[in-house]
Amino acid sequence: MEDLKQQYKKVMDDHFPDEMTISFGHQTLQYKKKSWKIPDSSGAVVEKGLRYGENPGQEAALYELCSGNLELGGCKFIQPGYSLVSGISDENMIQAGKHPGKINLTDVDNALNILKFLMNKPTCAIMKHNNPSGVATDATISDAYHRADMADRIAAFGGAAVFNRPVDIQAAEMISENYLEVVAAPDFEPGVIDMLARRKNLRILSIPRIDKLEQYSELKFVDFKSLIDGGIIVQQSPVNTVKSAADLKLAETNYKGTRYFIERHPTPREIEDMIFGWAVEQGVTSNSVIYVKNGCTVGIGTGEQDRVGVAELAAIKAHVKYRDRICFERYKKAYNEIVDLEIKSELEHETNEAGAGLFNSTMVSDAFFPFRDGVEVGINAGISAIVHPGGSDRDYDSIQACNEAKPQVTMMFTGQRAFRH
């Protein structure tokens, strides 16, 4: 049996062709396989694309769309010349560390999928296993990184931090204290590269088109899903239609001749968090429920089979992450490293008193709540607002739960679902 550590270090050969052609009837798309010239541990330059796929032993390749304009049913799909992750060149690979694997690049890609809706403020998305561990906006990119990192400091370990503004020295100082696999940004301010490069295996990527991400918010691509029998499902990529308050609707419904409506209207801050949270939801695996507050994720629940369960999971994670954050800020240790029971009790009490950051937060769900039990999880945790697609036969029940809450909770509908599998 080959040593697993050696498997992680190995750059696999792949047998995928240098070019790939996909035909949609009479329309054809042409792709070219990407590769980069990167020195290996011995100093020898190796030209290769992806290191391996999702796991060592899986051959993988990255292809860039180089020609062909696809239009189907009046939908024009993204054209060549808009490359982001698939267009990374040797020059963009500022520090390769080692040849990237599939997960490294898909994490960056999904971060861009979130950031493209959040370009109006400095924002950082930290990704782990193709889900965000923390996303935050702020006045500066360094503050955005700090908030995103501390939203889930533990999960951020070994992740990919992606920025929509150039990385400054203040952010670099914080990044250099953590272990990340990838840092990607449109640019880096003077002195930042030298500071980040102290970690030799850190992949530092510049992606020039990050500053133009907003234009990608309306562009569609063909989404492929391969089946185990060799079959393929294709679909259009989704488009987030919630960009402003005008795209949201105060929750109301009719049930058996009775009109039910939300009594408390949202505040401007709650509206901002709804829009922010719905943007983050575009990059979260469903079923999902997330909690956000003041432009930062508080708890992220992903990939559960039932909506009440994932609401509970996100709240539990918020509690665990908040407790760890205040512990680390105070003692420079993780909560699980603390052995003094009195200190642990104090941290637990302080977390409970603060509601784990969930008090007055916004609950975001990628699909409607089929029963009021999921909504009640958020209400019991202390949220002040909820945003979800709406459309359940029992929307009236969730609306009543919000109106009966003390204090009352507001709720708005997006009118679109955000499933991501």
Foldseek 3Di string as FASTA:
>chain_A
DDDQVVLVQAQDDADDDQKDWDDDDPWIWIKGWDWAFDQHPVRHTDTGAASAEPGRPHHDIQIATAATWDDDPNATADGPPLDFLSPFYNVQQVAQLGHHHHQQSLQQVLQLLLCLLVLPFKKKFKGDSQATLKIFGDRDVLVRLVQRCLLFVPRSAQTEIEILAAAEPSNLVVVLVGHYQEYEYQHHDPPSCVSNCVPNNHGYGHGNCSPVSNVCLPHWDWDWDADPVRDIDIDIQDHQPDRAPVLKAFDWDDAPRDIFGADDDDDPQQRVQQSSVVSSLLRAAPQWKWKDGNGMTQFIFGDDDALLVSLLRRLVSLLQSLLQSVCCVVPVDGLVPDPPVVVNVVSNVVSVVCLSVLAQIEMEGLADHQALSSVVSSLVSHYQEYEYADDHSVSNRNSVVQVPRVVHHTYIHSVHGNHDD
